[in-house]
Amino acid sequence: MNELLAQMQDHLPPVFAGVEIDQLTGNAIRWRTIQNLRACRNVPERKKIPQGCFKKDGNRKILIVRDPFLSWWFTQLEDA
């Protein structure tokens, strides 16, 4: 897992527009799903995305802060 985290940190910019996450991750992470998790108040604690993963640019543009977001995302992964 540490190798995968390092690869993703090398590939993703430190901050990027949320709408770019599908393309940047090869659809491994979907912006629509992230938006749903951010909006839903009844999501189990394990799936809630910490607010520190996001910044707002202007009225509508949501930015993702790479390192806190990846830290959260890696807690969601399981071996297949």
C-alpha atoms as a PDB file:
ATOM      1  CA  MET A   1       0.000   0.000   0.000  1.00  0.00           C
ATOM      2  CA  ASN A   2       2.841   2.406   0.761  1.00  0.00           C
ATOM      3  CA  GLU A   3       4.163   1.987  -2.781  1.00  0.00           C
ATOM      4  CA  LEU A   4       0.745   2.747  -4.257  1.00  0.00           C
ATOM      5  CA  LEU A   5       0.409   5.823  -2.031  1.00  0.00           C
ATOM      6  CA  ALA A   6       3.827   7.072  -3.158  1.00  0.00           C
ATOM      7  CA  GLN A   7       2.907   6.544  -6.811  1.00  0.00           C
ATOM      8  CA  MET A   8      -0.332   8.477  -6.409  1.00  0.00           C
ATOM      9  CA  GLN A   9       1.449  11.305  -4.604  1.00  0.00           C
ATOM     10  CA  ASP A  10       3.948  11.482  -7.473  1.00  0.00           C
ATOM     11  CA  HIS A  11       1.174  11.485 -10.073  1.00  0.00           C
ATOM     12  CA  LEU A  12      -1.368  13.882  -8.543  1.00  0.00           C
ATOM     13  CA  PRO A  13      -0.710  17.609  -8.071  1.00  0.00           C
ATOM     14  CA  PRO A  14      -0.728  18.889  -4.454  1.00  0.00           C
ATOM     15  CA  VAL A  15      -4.066  20.677  -5.071  1.00  0.00           C
ATOM     16  CA  PHE A  16      -6.429  20.150  -8.001  1.00  0.00           C
ATOM     17  CA  ALA A  17     -10.012  20.796  -9.068  1.00  0.00           C
ATOM     18  CA  GLY A  18     -12.401  18.134  -7.853  1.00  0.00           C
ATOM     19  CA  VAL A  19     -13.903  17.738 -11.320  1.00  0.00           C
ATOM     20  CA  GLU A  20     -10.501  16.492 -12.539  1.00  0.00           C
ATOM     21  CA  ILE A  21     -10.286  13.527 -10.165  1.00  0.00           C
ATOM     22  CA  ASP A  22     -11.950  11.044 -12.556  1.00  0.00           C
ATOM     23  CA  GLN A  23      -9.385  11.743 -15.254  1.00  0.00           C
ATOM     24  CA  LEU A  24      -6.395  12.031 -12.916  1.00  0.00           C
ATOM     25  CA  THR A  25      -7.122   8.656 -11.276  1.00  0.00           C
ATOM     26  CA  GLY A  26      -8.216   6.728 -14.368  1.00  0.00           C
ATOM     27  CA  ASN A  27     -11.748   6.628 -12.899  1.00  0.00           C
ATOM     28  CA  ALA A  28     -10.513   4.796  -9.782  1.00  0.00           C
ATOM     29  CA  ILE A  29     -11.988   7.698  -7.801  1.00  0.00           C
ATOM     30  CA  ARG A  30     -15.151   9.326  -9.149  1.00  0.00           C
ATOM     31  CA  TRP A  31     -16.050  12.967  -8.477  1.00  0.00           C
ATOM     32  CA  ARG A  32     -19.752  12.150  -8.383  1.00  0.00           C
ATOM     33  CA  THR A  33     -19.190   9.639  -5.582  1.00  0.00           C
ATOM     34  CA  ILE A  34     -17.038  12.118  -3.664  1.00  0.00           C
ATOM     35  CA  GLN A  35     -19.773  14.748  -3.986  1.00  0.00           C
ATOM     36  CA  ASN A  36     -22.376  12.269  -2.723  1.00  0.00           C
ATOM     37  CA  LEU A  37     -20.243  11.365   0.294  1.00  0.00           C
ATOM     38  CA  ARG A  38     -19.671  15.053   1.086  1.00  0.00           C
ATOM     39  CA  ALA A  39     -23.393  15.827   0.850  1.00  0.00           C
ATOM     40  CA  CYS A  40     -24.834  12.855   2.737  1.00  0.00           C
ATOM     41  CA  ARG A  41     -25.178  13.411   6.482  1.00  0.00           C
ATOM     42  CA  ASN A  42     -26.138   9.778   7.193  1.00  0.00           C
ATOM     43  CA  VAL A  43     -22.902   8.263   5.929  1.00  0.00           C
ATOM     44  CA  PRO A  44     -21.172   5.951   8.437  1.00  0.00           C
ATOM     45  CA  GLU A  45     -18.171   7.561  10.169  1.00  0.00           C
ATOM     46  CA  ARG A  46     -15.726   5.330   8.297  1.00  0.00           C
ATOM     47  CA  LYS A  47     -16.779   6.758   4.944  1.00  0.00           C
ATOM     48  CA  LYS A  48     -17.034  10.458   5.879  1.00  0.00           C
ATOM     49  CA  ILE A  49     -14.435  12.546   4.123  1.00  0.00           C
ATOM     50  CA  PRO A  50     -12.677  15.018   6.446  1.00  0.00           C
ATOM     51  CA  GLN A  51     -13.310  18.666   5.558  1.00  0.00           C
ATOM     52  CA  GLY A  52      -9.544  19.301   5.505  1.00  0.00           C
ATOM     53  CA  CYS A  53      -9.438  17.403   2.196  1.00  0.00           C
ATOM     54  CA  PHE A  54     -11.217  20.265   0.426  1.00  0.00           C
ATOM     55  CA  LYS A  55     -10.794  23.976  -0.213  1.00  0.00           C
ATOM     56  CA  LYS A  56     -13.204  26.306  -1.955  1.00  0.00           C
ATOM     57  CA  ASP A  57     -12.116  28.617  -4.775  1.00  0.00           C
ATOM     58  CA  GLY A  58     -14.769  31.260  -5.395  1.00  0.00           C
ATOM     59  CA  ASN A  59     -18.447  30.439  -5.087  1.00  0.00           C
ATOM     60  CA  ARG A  60     -18.536  26.950  -6.590  1.00  0.00           C
ATOM     61  CA  LYS A  61     -15.153  25.474  -7.462  1.00  0.00           C
ATOM     62  CA  ILE A  62     -14.078  22.768  -5.012  1.00  0.00           C
ATOM     63  CA  LEU A  63     -10.399  21.892  -4.803  1.00  0.00           C
ATOM     64  CA  ILE A  64      -9.014  18.639  -3.435  1.00  0.00           C
ATOM     65  CA  VAL A  65      -5.945  18.776  -1.204  1.00  0.00           C
ATOM     66  CA  ARG A  66      -4.013  15.680  -2.260  1.00  0.00           C
ATOM     67  CA  ASP A  67      -2.285  14.403   0.885  1.00  0.00           C
ATOM     68  CA  PRO A  68      -5.191  14.554   3.369  1.00  0.00           C
ATOM     69  CA  PHE A  69      -7.521  13.195   0.696  1.00  0.00           C
ATOM     70  CA  LEU A  70      -5.251  10.253  -0.123  1.00  0.00           C
ATOM     71  CA  SER A  71      -4.801   9.528   3.591  1.00  0.00           C
ATOM     72  CA  TRP A  72      -8.581   9.256   3.914  1.00  0.00           C
ATOM     73  CA  TRP A  73      -9.020   7.305   0.667  1.00  0.00           C
ATOM     74  CA  PHE A  74      -6.446   4.694   1.624  1.00  0.00           C
ATOM     75  CA  THR A  75      -8.443   3.945   4.787  1.00  0.00           C
ATOM     76  CA  GLN A  76     -11.337   2.951   2.487  1.00  0.00           C
ATOM     77  CA  LEU A  77      -9.359   0.411   0.447  1.00  0.00           C
ATOM     78  CA  GLU A  78      -9.427  -3.310   1.119  1.00  0.00           C
ATOM     79  CA  ASP A  79      -7.511  -6.191  -0.452  1.00  0.00           C
ATOM     80  CA  ALA A  80      -9.454  -7.923  -3.214  1.00  0.00           C
END
